[in-house]
């Protein structure tokens, strides 16, 4: 599932980078939750999923939604590839810290 999330993350960031006006409309109208619903759908969430699968899909969806929301609110200063790279570096650093305990 990790490759799927990486693809979706970068694809979503690229899409919204090119279509910022859509984000403007969603946030201005208070409808940004539609982004979360879209991400959940893109991850293939299904109520019939086994519990751990459902938990992981929802966790990733909320992570991606939070990332996109904060990126938007801060003016989308980083290009999508840079942001994706920074997030990957952050997770790598966190996993290294966890392994050293």
PDB file of N, CA and C in Angstrom:
ATOM      1  N   UNK A   1       0.807  -1.202   0.000  1.00  0.00           N
ATOM      2  CA  UNK A   1       0.000   0.000   0.000  1.00  0.00           C
ATOM      3  C   UNK A   1       0.850   1.266   0.000  1.00  0.00           C
ATOM      4  N   UNK A   2       2.092   1.193   0.449  1.00  0.00           N
ATOM      5  CA  UNK A   2       2.939   2.387   0.559  1.00  0.00           C
ATOM      6  C   UNK A   2       3.141   3.081  -0.781  1.00  0.00           C
ATOM      7  N   UNK A   3       3.388   2.323  -1.839  1.00  0.00           N
ATOM      8  CA  UNK A   3       3.578   2.939  -3.161  1.00  0.00           C
ATOM      9  C   UNK A   3       2.316   3.662  -3.599  1.00  0.00           C
ATOM     10  N   UNK A   4       1.162   3.094  -3.279  1.00  0.00           N
ATOM     11  CA  UNK A   4      -0.100   3.734  -3.633  1.00  0.00           C
ATOM     12  C   UNK A   4      -0.215   5.087  -2.955  1.00  0.00           C
ATOM     13  N   UNK A   5       0.094   5.147  -1.661  1.00  0.00           N
ATOM     14  CA  UNK A   5       0.007   6.415  -0.951  1.00  0.00           C
ATOM     15  C   UNK A   5       1.001   7.436  -1.500  1.00  0.00           C
ATOM     16  N   UNK A   6       2.196   6.985  -1.826  1.00  0.00           N
ATOM     17  CA  UNK A   6       3.194   7.903  -2.382  1.00  0.00           C
ATOM     18  C   UNK A   6       2.699   8.479  -3.706  1.00  0.00           C
ATOM     19  N   UNK A   7       2.129   7.626  -4.553  1.00  0.00           N
ATOM     20  CA  UNK A   7       1.610   8.093  -5.827  1.00  0.00           C
ATOM     21  C   UNK A   7       0.463   9.068  -5.599  1.00  0.00           C
ATOM     22  N   UNK A   8      -0.468   8.669  -4.733  1.00  0.00           N
ATOM     23  CA  UNK A   8      -1.629   9.520  -4.490  1.00  0.00           C
ATOM     24  C   UNK A   8      -1.198  10.849  -3.896  1.00  0.00           C
ATOM     25  N   UNK A   9      -0.270  10.811  -2.943  1.00  0.00           N
ATOM     26  CA  UNK A   9       0.184  12.052  -2.311  1.00  0.00           C
ATOM     27  C   UNK A   9       0.746  13.004  -3.357  1.00  0.00           C
ATOM     28  N   UNK A  10       1.681  12.530  -4.162  1.00  0.00           N
ATOM     29  CA  UNK A  10       2.280  13.425  -5.141  1.00  0.00           C
ATOM     30  C   UNK A  10       1.277  13.825  -6.221  1.00  0.00           C
ATOM     31  N   UNK A  11       0.443  12.897  -6.655  1.00  0.00           N
ATOM     32  CA  UNK A  11      -0.555  13.211  -7.679  1.00  0.00           C
ATOM     33  C   UNK A  11      -1.539  14.267  -7.169  1.00  0.00           C
ATOM     34  N   UNK A  12      -1.986  14.131  -5.919  1.00  0.00           N
ATOM     35  CA  UNK A  12      -2.893  15.131  -5.359  1.00  0.00           C
ATOM     36  C   UNK A  12      -2.223  16.490  -5.235  1.00  0.00           C
ATOM     37  N   UNK A  13      -1.010  16.498  -4.722  1.00  0.00           N
ATOM     38  CA  UNK A  13      -0.295  17.767  -4.583  1.00  0.00           C
ATOM     39  C   UNK A  13      -0.100  18.431  -5.946  1.00  0.00           C
ATOM     40  N   UNK A  14       0.273  17.653  -6.948  1.00  0.00           N
ATOM     41  CA  UNK A  14       0.449  18.202  -8.305  1.00  0.00           C
ATOM     42  C   UNK A  14      -0.866  18.774  -8.829  1.00  0.00           C
ATOM     43  N   UNK A  15      -1.946  18.015  -8.635  1.00  0.00           N
ATOM     44  CA  UNK A  15      -3.251  18.461  -9.133  1.00  0.00           C
ATOM     45  C   UNK A  15      -3.649  19.786  -8.493  1.00  0.00           C
ATOM     46  N   UNK A  16      -3.546  19.856  -7.175  1.00  0.00           N
ATOM     47  CA  UNK A  16      -3.984  21.079  -6.505  1.00  0.00           C
ATOM     48  C   UNK A  16      -3.010  22.230  -6.689  1.00  0.00           C
ATOM     49  N   UNK A  17      -1.749  21.934  -6.949  1.00  0.00           N
ATOM     50  CA  UNK A  17      -0.782  22.978  -7.298  1.00  0.00           C
ATOM     51  C   UNK A  17      -1.233  23.670  -8.582  1.00  0.00           C
ATOM     52  N   UNK A  18      -1.684  22.871  -9.535  1.00  0.00           N
ATOM     53  CA  UNK A  18      -2.111  23.410 -10.829  1.00  0.00           C
ATOM     54  C   UNK A  18      -3.514  24.006 -10.774  1.00  0.00           C
ATOM     55  N   UNK A  19      -4.316  23.632  -9.792  1.00  0.00           N
ATOM     56  CA  UNK A  19      -5.715  24.054  -9.708  1.00  0.00           C
ATOM     57  C   UNK A  19      -6.007  24.702  -8.355  1.00  0.00           C
ATOM     58  N   UNK A  20      -5.190  25.658  -7.981  1.00  0.00           N
ATOM     59  CA  UNK A  20      -5.338  26.313  -6.671  1.00  0.00           C
ATOM     60  C   UNK A  20      -6.698  26.965  -6.495  1.00  0.00           C
ATOM     61  N   UNK A  21      -7.271  27.414  -7.580  1.00  0.00           N
ATOM     62  CA  UNK A  21      -8.572  28.087  -7.486  1.00  0.00           C
ATOM     63  C   UNK A  21      -9.641  27.145  -6.934  1.00  0.00           C
ATOM     64  N   UNK A  22      -9.508  25.860  -7.219  1.00  0.00           N
ATOM     65  CA  UNK A  22     -10.444  24.890  -6.663  1.00  0.00           C
ATOM     66  C   UNK A  22     -10.312  24.852  -5.138  1.00  0.00           C
ATOM     67  N   UNK A  23      -9.083  24.871  -4.645  1.00  0.00           N
ATOM     68  CA  UNK A  23      -8.873  24.910  -3.196  1.00  0.00           C
ATOM     69  C   UNK A  23      -9.425  26.201  -2.606  1.00  0.00           C
ATOM     70  N   UNK A  24      -9.229  27.317  -3.315  1.00  0.00           N
ATOM     71  CA  UNK A  24      -9.767  28.594  -2.844  1.00  0.00           C
ATOM     72  C   UNK A  24     -11.277  28.485  -2.632  1.00  0.00           C
ATOM     73  N   UNK A  25     -11.955  27.898  -3.591  1.00  0.00           N
ATOM     74  CA  UNK A  25     -13.410  27.762  -3.514  1.00  0.00           C
ATOM     75  C   UNK A  25     -13.809  26.829  -2.368  1.00  0.00           C
ATOM     76  N   UNK A  26     -13.136  25.685  -2.275  1.00  0.00           N
ATOM     77  CA  UNK A  26     -13.479  24.729  -1.219  1.00  0.00           C
ATOM     78  C   UNK A  26     -13.273  25.310   0.174  1.00  0.00           C
ATOM     79  N   UNK A  27     -12.127  25.949   0.392  1.00  0.00           N
ATOM     80  CA  UNK A  27     -11.851  26.505   1.716  1.00  0.00           C
ATOM     81  C   UNK A  27     -12.729  27.717   2.013  1.00  0.00           C
ATOM     82  N   UNK A  28     -12.955  28.566   1.028  1.00  0.00           N
ATOM     83  CA  UNK A  28     -13.787  29.759   1.237  1.00  0.00           C
ATOM     84  C   UNK A  28     -15.228  29.379   1.571  1.00  0.00           C
ATOM     85  N   UNK A  29     -15.691  28.267   1.025  1.00  0.00           N
ATOM     86  CA  UNK A  29     -17.071  27.841   1.261  1.00  0.00           C
ATOM     87  C   UNK A  29     -17.205  26.871   2.432  1.00  0.00           C
ATOM     88  N   UNK A  30     -16.073  26.572   3.088  1.00  0.00           N
ATOM     89  CA  UNK A  30     -16.111  25.646   4.214  1.00  0.00           C
ATOM     90  C   UNK A  30     -16.331  24.201   3.812  1.00  0.00           C
ATOM     91  N   UNK A  31     -16.036  23.877   2.568  1.00  0.00           N
ATOM     92  CA  UNK A  31     -16.283  22.534   2.040  1.00  0.00           C
ATOM     93  C   UNK A  31     -15.010  21.714   1.874  1.00  0.00           C
ATOM     94  N   UNK A  32     -13.943  22.089   2.600  1.00  0.00           N
ATOM     95  CA  UNK A  32     -12.676  21.377   2.427  1.00  0.00           C
ATOM     96  C   UNK A  32     -12.762  19.898   2.812  1.00  0.00           C
ATOM     97  N   UNK A  33     -13.765  19.512   3.600  1.00  0.00           N
ATOM     98  CA  UNK A  33     -13.925  18.104   3.948  1.00  0.00           C
ATOM     99  C   UNK A  33     -14.132  17.244   2.699  1.00  0.00           C
ATOM    100  N   UNK A  34     -14.601  17.858   1.639  1.00  0.00           N
ATOM    101  CA  UNK A  34     -14.741  17.116   0.376  1.00  0.00           C
ATOM    102  C   UNK A  34     -13.398  16.557  -0.081  1.00  0.00           C
ATOM    103  N   UNK A  35     -12.305  17.252   0.246  1.00  0.00           N
ATOM    104  CA  UNK A  35     -10.965  16.743  -0.076  1.00  0.00           C
ATOM    105  C   UNK A  35     -10.699  15.437   0.662  1.00  0.00           C
ATOM    106  N   UNK A  36     -11.055  15.407   1.937  1.00  0.00           N
ATOM    107  CA  UNK A  36     -10.870  14.182   2.720  1.00  0.00           C
ATOM    108  C   UNK A  36     -11.689  13.044   2.121  1.00  0.00           C
ATOM    109  N   UNK A  37     -12.924  13.328   1.769  1.00  0.00           N
ATOM    110  CA  UNK A  37     -13.764  12.299   1.148  1.00  0.00           C
ATOM    111  C   UNK A  37     -13.151  11.790  -0.152  1.00  0.00           C
ATOM    112  N   UNK A  38     -12.585  12.694  -0.947  1.00  0.00           N
ATOM    113  CA  UNK A  38     -11.927  12.310  -2.200  1.00  0.00           C
ATOM    114  C   UNK A  38     -10.733  11.408  -1.932  1.00  0.00           C
ATOM    115  N   UNK A  39      -9.916  11.764  -0.968  1.00  0.00           N
ATOM    116  CA  UNK A  39      -8.721  10.970  -0.643  1.00  0.00           C
ATOM    117  C   UNK A  39      -9.125   9.587  -0.143  1.00  0.00           C
ATOM    118  N   UNK A  40     -10.123   9.534   0.728  1.00  0.00           N
ATOM    119  CA  UNK A  40     -10.605   8.245   1.226  1.00  0.00           C
ATOM    120  C   UNK A  40     -11.046   7.378   0.062  1.00  0.00           C
ATOM    121  N   UNK A  41     -11.760   7.967  -0.863  1.00  0.00           N
ATOM    122  CA  UNK A  41     -12.214   7.232  -2.041  1.00  0.00           C
ATOM    123  C   UNK A  41     -11.036   6.764  -2.896  1.00  0.00           C
ATOM    124  N   UNK A  42     -10.052   7.638  -3.079  1.00  0.00           N
ATOM    125  CA  UNK A  42      -8.886   7.279  -3.898  1.00  0.00           C
ATOM    126  C   UNK A  42      -8.085   6.139  -3.278  1.00  0.00           C
ATOM    127  N   UNK A  43      -8.097   6.053  -1.949  1.00  0.00           N
ATOM    128  CA  UNK A  43      -7.378   4.976  -1.284  1.00  0.00           C
ATOM    129  C   UNK A  43      -8.150   3.658  -1.319  1.00  0.00           C
ATOM    130  N   UNK A  44      -9.355   3.700  -1.848  1.00  0.00           N
ATOM    131  CA  UNK A  44     -10.134   2.479  -2.000  1.00  0.00           C
ATOM    132  C   UNK A  44     -10.754   1.978  -0.708  1.00  0.00           C
ATOM    133  N   UNK A  45     -11.029   2.896   0.222  1.00  0.00           N
ATOM    134  CA  UNK A  45     -11.651   2.495   1.478  1.00  0.00           C
ATOM    135  C   UNK A  45     -12.979   1.814   1.195  1.00  0.00           C
ATOM    136  N   UNK A  46     -13.213   0.726   1.917  1.00  0.00           N
ATOM    137  CA  UNK A  46     -14.457  -0.024   1.791  1.00  0.00           C
ATOM    138  C   UNK A  46     -14.845  -0.498   3.176  1.00  0.00           C
ATOM    139  N   UNK A  47     -16.101  -0.338   3.546  1.00  0.00           N
ATOM    140  CA  UNK A  47     -16.548  -0.777   4.869  1.00  0.00           C
ATOM    141  C   UNK A  47     -16.301  -2.266   5.076  1.00  0.00           C
ATOM    142  N   UNK A  48     -16.155  -3.024   3.993  1.00  0.00           N
ATOM    143  CA  UNK A  48     -15.895  -4.459   4.090  1.00  0.00           C
ATOM    144  C   UNK A  48     -14.412  -4.763   4.330  1.00  0.00           C
ATOM    145  N   UNK A  49     -13.552  -3.733   4.294  1.00  0.00           N
ATOM    146  CA  UNK A  49     -12.129  -3.947   4.562  1.00  0.00           C
ATOM    147  C   UNK A  49     -11.951  -4.559   5.944  1.00  0.00           C
ATOM    148  N   UNK A  50     -10.897  -5.355   6.089  1.00  0.00           N
ATOM    149  CA  UNK A  50     -10.555  -5.847   7.428  1.00  0.00           C
ATOM    150  C   UNK A  50     -10.184  -4.638   8.281  1.00  0.00           C
ATOM    151  N   UNK A  51     -10.336  -4.782   9.586  1.00  0.00           N
ATOM    152  CA  UNK A  51     -10.130  -3.644  10.484  1.00  0.00           C
ATOM    153  C   UNK A  51      -8.796  -2.947  10.261  1.00  0.00           C
ATOM    154  N   UNK A  52      -7.695  -3.675  10.286  1.00  0.00           N
ATOM    155  CA  UNK A  52      -6.383  -3.025  10.178  1.00  0.00           C
ATOM    156  C   UNK A  52      -6.233  -2.300   8.847  1.00  0.00           C
ATOM    157  N   UNK A  53      -6.786  -2.873   7.785  1.00  0.00           N
ATOM    158  CA  UNK A  53      -6.737  -2.227   6.466  1.00  0.00           C
ATOM    159  C   UNK A  53      -7.537  -0.933   6.491  1.00  0.00           C
ATOM    160  N   UNK A  54      -8.718  -0.979   7.067  1.00  0.00           N
ATOM    161  CA  UNK A  54      -9.554   0.219   7.164  1.00  0.00           C
ATOM    162  C   UNK A  54      -8.854   1.295   7.996  1.00  0.00           C
ATOM    163  N   UNK A  55      -8.257   0.887   9.122  1.00  0.00           N
ATOM    164  CA  UNK A  55      -7.558   1.854   9.975  1.00  0.00           C
ATOM    165  C   UNK A  55      -6.422   2.531   9.216  1.00  0.00           C
ATOM    166  N   UNK A  56      -5.655   1.753   8.484  1.00  0.00           N
ATOM    167  CA  UNK A  56      -4.509   2.302   7.762  1.00  0.00           C
ATOM    168  C   UNK A  56      -4.958   3.241   6.640  1.00  0.00           C
ATOM    169  N   UNK A  57      -6.004   2.865   5.929  1.00  0.00           N
ATOM    170  CA  UNK A  57      -6.498   3.736   4.852  1.00  0.00           C
ATOM    171  C   UNK A  57      -6.998   5.055   5.420  1.00  0.00           C
ATOM    172  N   UNK A  58      -7.742   4.994   6.523  1.00  0.00           N
ATOM    173  CA  UNK A  58      -8.266   6.217   7.122  1.00  0.00           C
ATOM    174  C   UNK A  58      -7.135   7.056   7.714  1.00  0.00           C
ATOM    175  N   UNK A  59      -6.145   6.406   8.322  1.00  0.00           N
ATOM    176  CA  UNK A  59      -4.999   7.145   8.865  1.00  0.00           C
ATOM    177  C   UNK A  59      -4.260   7.872   7.746  1.00  0.00           C
ATOM    178  N   UNK A  60      -3.994   7.192   6.638  1.00  0.00           N
ATOM    179  CA  UNK A  60      -3.301   7.825   5.517  1.00  0.00           C
ATOM    180  C   UNK A  60      -4.135   8.951   4.925  1.00  0.00           C
ATOM    181  N   UNK A  61      -5.437   8.715   4.807  1.00  0.00           N
ATOM    182  CA  UNK A  61      -6.311   9.751   4.249  1.00  0.00           C
ATOM    183  C   UNK A  61      -6.265  11.009   5.111  1.00  0.00           C
ATOM    184  N   UNK A  62      -6.333  10.845   6.420  1.00  0.00           N
ATOM    185  CA  UNK A  62      -6.287  12.002   7.311  1.00  0.00           C
ATOM    186  C   UNK A  62      -4.925  12.674   7.292  1.00  0.00           C
ATOM    187  N   UNK A  63      -3.866  11.891   7.186  1.00  0.00           N
ATOM    188  CA  UNK A  63      -2.529  12.478   7.064  1.00  0.00           C
ATOM    189  C   UNK A  63      -2.444  13.335   5.802  1.00  0.00           C
ATOM    190  N   UNK A  64      -2.862  12.764   4.678  1.00  0.00           N
ATOM    191  CA  UNK A  64      -2.781  13.492   3.413  1.00  0.00           C
ATOM    192  C   UNK A  64      -3.660  14.735   3.430  1.00  0.00           C
ATOM    193  N   UNK A  65      -4.848  14.612   3.998  1.00  0.00           N
ATOM    194  CA  UNK A  65      -5.745  15.762   4.101  1.00  0.00           C
ATOM    195  C   UNK A  65      -5.116  16.855   4.970  1.00  0.00           C
ATOM    196  N   UNK A  66      -4.549  16.464   6.106  1.00  0.00           N
ATOM    197  CA  UNK A  66      -3.906  17.433   6.982  1.00  0.00           C
ATOM    198  C   UNK A  66      -2.730  18.115   6.304  1.00  0.00           C
ATOM    199  N   UNK A  67      -1.939  17.333   5.600  1.00  0.00           N
ATOM    200  CA  UNK A  67      -0.790  17.873   4.867  1.00  0.00           C
ATOM    201  C   UNK A  67      -1.250  18.886   3.827  1.00  0.00           C
ATOM    202  N   UNK A  68      -2.234  18.508   3.036  1.00  0.00           N
ATOM    203  CA  UNK A  68      -2.723  19.405   1.984  1.00  0.00           C
ATOM    204  C   UNK A  68      -3.348  20.664   2.572  1.00  0.00           C
ATOM    205  N   UNK A  69      -4.104  20.500   3.643  1.00  0.00           N
ATOM    206  CA  UNK A  69      -4.758  21.661   4.262  1.00  0.00           C
ATOM    207  C   UNK A  69      -3.730  22.657   4.784  1.00  0.00           C
ATOM    208  N   UNK A  70      -2.739  22.152   5.487  1.00  0.00           N
ATOM    209  CA  UNK A  70      -1.715  23.039   6.050  1.00  0.00           C
ATOM    210  C   UNK A  70      -0.883  23.686   4.952  1.00  0.00           C
ATOM    211  N   UNK A  71      -0.563  22.910   3.926  1.00  0.00           N
ATOM    212  CA  UNK A  71       0.188  23.426   2.772  1.00  0.00           C
ATOM    213  C   UNK A  71      -0.587  24.570   2.131  1.00  0.00           C
ATOM    214  N   UNK A  72      -1.883  24.368   1.942  1.00  0.00           N
ATOM    215  CA  UNK A  72      -2.718  25.404   1.346  1.00  0.00           C
ATOM    216  C   UNK A  72      -2.748  26.653   2.232  1.00  0.00           C
ATOM    217  N   UNK A  73      -3.001  26.445   3.527  1.00  0.00           N
ATOM    218  CA  UNK A  73      -3.119  27.575   4.456  1.00  0.00           C
ATOM    219  C   UNK A  73      -1.825  28.384   4.551  1.00  0.00           C
ATOM    220  N   UNK A  74      -0.696  27.744   4.291  1.00  0.00           N
ATOM    221  CA  UNK A  74       0.600  28.433   4.342  1.00  0.00           C
ATOM    222  C   UNK A  74       1.023  28.983   2.988  1.00  0.00           C
ATOM    223  N   UNK A  75       0.117  28.968   2.037  1.00  0.00           N
ATOM    224  CA  UNK A  75       0.377  29.605   0.758  1.00  0.00           C
ATOM    225  C   UNK A  75       1.023  28.714  -0.287  1.00  0.00           C
ATOM    226  N   UNK A  76       1.042  27.408  -0.068  1.00  0.00           N
ATOM    227  CA  UNK A  76       1.585  26.461  -1.037  1.00  0.00           C
ATOM    228  C   UNK A  76       2.964  26.914  -1.540  1.00  0.00           C
ATOM    229  N   UNK A  77       3.845  27.224  -0.605  1.00  0.00           N
ATOM    230  CA  UNK A  77       5.151  27.776  -0.938  1.00  0.00           C
ATOM    231  C   UNK A  77       6.078  26.753  -1.585  1.00  0.00           C
ATOM    232  N   UNK A  78       5.976  25.498  -1.145  1.00  0.00           N
ATOM    233  CA  UNK A  78       6.838  24.454  -1.713  1.00  0.00           C
ATOM    234  C   UNK A  78       6.163  23.838  -2.935  1.00  0.00           C
ATOM    235  N   UNK A  79       6.970  23.507  -3.913  1.00  0.00           N
ATOM    236  CA  UNK A  79       6.435  22.781  -5.061  1.00  0.00           C
ATOM    237  C   UNK A  79       6.111  21.357  -4.616  1.00  0.00           C
ATOM    238  N   UNK A  80       5.172  20.689  -5.291  1.00  0.00           N
ATOM    239  CA  UNK A  80       4.760  19.346  -4.875  1.00  0.00           C
ATOM    240  C   UNK A  80       5.906  18.348  -4.714  1.00  0.00           C
ATOM    241  N   UNK A  81       6.846  18.314  -5.645  1.00  0.00           N
ATOM    242  CA  UNK A  81       7.964  17.365  -5.531  1.00  0.00           C
ATOM    243  C   UNK A  81       8.800  17.639  -4.294  1.00  0.00           C
ATOM    244  N   UNK A  82       9.029  18.902  -3.978  1.00  0.00           N
ATOM    245  CA  UNK A  82       9.806  19.282  -2.797  1.00  0.00           C
ATOM    246  C   UNK A  82       9.071  18.872  -1.521  1.00  0.00           C
ATOM    247  N   UNK A  83       7.786  19.136  -1.475  1.00  0.00           N
ATOM    248  CA  UNK A  83       7.007  18.777  -0.300  1.00  0.00           C
ATOM    249  C   UNK A  83       6.979  17.263  -0.113  1.00  0.00           C
ATOM    250  N   UNK A  84       6.798  16.530  -1.192  1.00  0.00           N
ATOM    251  CA  UNK A  84       6.804  15.071  -1.121  1.00  0.00           C
ATOM    252  C   UNK A  84       8.147  14.577  -0.598  1.00  0.00           C
ATOM    253  N   UNK A  85       9.223  15.131  -1.100  1.00  0.00           N
ATOM    254  CA  UNK A  85      10.561  14.758  -0.658  1.00  0.00           C
ATOM    255  C   UNK A  85      10.769  15.087   0.820  1.00  0.00           C
ATOM    256  N   UNK A  86      10.311  16.258   1.246  1.00  0.00           N
ATOM    257  CA  UNK A  86      10.443  16.654   2.655  1.00  0.00           C
ATOM    258  C   UNK A  86       9.669  15.712   3.568  1.00  0.00           C
ATOM    259  N   UNK A  87       8.469  15.322   3.147  1.00  0.00           N
ATOM    260  CA  UNK A  87       7.657  14.404   3.951  1.00  0.00           C
ATOM    261  C   UNK A  87       8.340  13.041   4.048  1.00  0.00           C
ATOM    262  N   UNK A  88       8.874  12.567   2.936  1.00  0.00           N
ATOM    263  CA  UNK A  88       9.580  11.278   2.948  1.00  0.00           C
ATOM    264  C   UNK A  88      10.795  11.348   3.871  1.00  0.00           C
ATOM    265  N   UNK A  89      11.531  12.442   3.832  1.00  0.00           N
ATOM    266  CA  UNK A  89      12.686  12.621   4.717  1.00  0.00           C
ATOM    267  C   UNK A  89      12.260  12.648   6.177  1.00  0.00           C
ATOM    268  N   UNK A  90      11.155  13.323   6.451  1.00  0.00           N
ATOM    269  CA  UNK A  90      10.638  13.392   7.816  1.00  0.00           C
ATOM    270  C   UNK A  90      10.319  11.992   8.345  1.00  0.00           C
ATOM    271  N   UNK A  91       9.605  11.197   7.531  1.00  0.00           N
ATOM    272  CA  UNK A  91       9.262   9.844   7.969  1.00  0.00           C
ATOM    273  C   UNK A  91      10.510   8.981   8.140  1.00  0.00           C
ATOM    274  N   UNK A  92      11.465   9.118   7.247  1.00  0.00           N
ATOM    275  CA  UNK A  92      12.708   8.348   7.371  1.00  0.00           C
ATOM    276  C   UNK A  92      13.417   8.708   8.677  1.00  0.00           C
ATOM    277  N   UNK A  93      13.462   9.989   8.997  1.00  0.00           N
ATOM    278  CA  UNK A  93      14.092  10.433  10.233  1.00  0.00           C
ATOM    279  C   UNK A  93      13.336   9.878  11.448  1.00  0.00           C
ATOM    280  N   UNK A  94      12.017   9.910  11.410  1.00  0.00           N
ATOM    281  CA  UNK A  94      11.210   9.404  12.524  1.00  0.00           C
ATOM    282  C   UNK A  94      11.434   7.903  12.722  1.00  0.00           C
ATOM    283  N   UNK A  95      11.507   7.141  11.624  1.00  0.00           N
ATOM    284  CA  UNK A  95      11.716   5.707  11.741  1.00  0.00           C
ATOM    285  C   UNK A  95      13.109   5.410  12.286  1.00  0.00           C
ATOM    286  N   UNK A  96      14.098   6.200  11.893  1.00  0.00           N
ATOM    287  CA  UNK A  96      15.458   6.005  12.417  1.00  0.00           C
ATOM    288  C   UNK A  96      15.490   6.280  13.913  1.00  0.00           C
ATOM    289  N   UNK A  97      14.785   7.312  14.351  1.00  0.00           N
ATOM    290  CA  UNK A  97      14.735   7.631  15.779  1.00  0.00           C
ATOM    291  C   UNK A  97      14.073   6.491  16.547  1.00  0.00           C
ATOM    292  N   UNK A  98      13.006   5.946  15.985  1.00  0.00           N
ATOM    293  CA  UNK A  98      12.277   4.853  16.635  1.00  0.00           C
ATOM    294  C   UNK A  98      13.146   3.610  16.741  1.00  0.00           C
ATOM    295  N   UNK A  99      13.928   3.320  15.712  1.00  0.00           N
ATOM    296  CA  UNK A  99      14.782   2.129  15.712  1.00  0.00           C
ATOM    297  C   UNK A  99      15.943   2.249  16.688  1.00  0.00           C
ATOM    298  N   UNK A 100      16.332   3.477  17.001  1.00  0.00           N
ATOM    299  CA  UNK A 100      17.470   3.650  17.904  1.00  0.00           C
ATOM    300  C   UNK A 100      17.069   3.516  19.376  1.00  0.00           C
ATOM    301  N   UNK A 101      15.787   3.472  19.669  1.00  0.00           N
ATOM    302  CA  UNK A 101      15.325   3.326  21.063  1.00  0.00           C
ATOM    303  C   UNK A 101      15.506   1.923  21.575  1.00  0.00           C
TER     304      UNK A 101
END
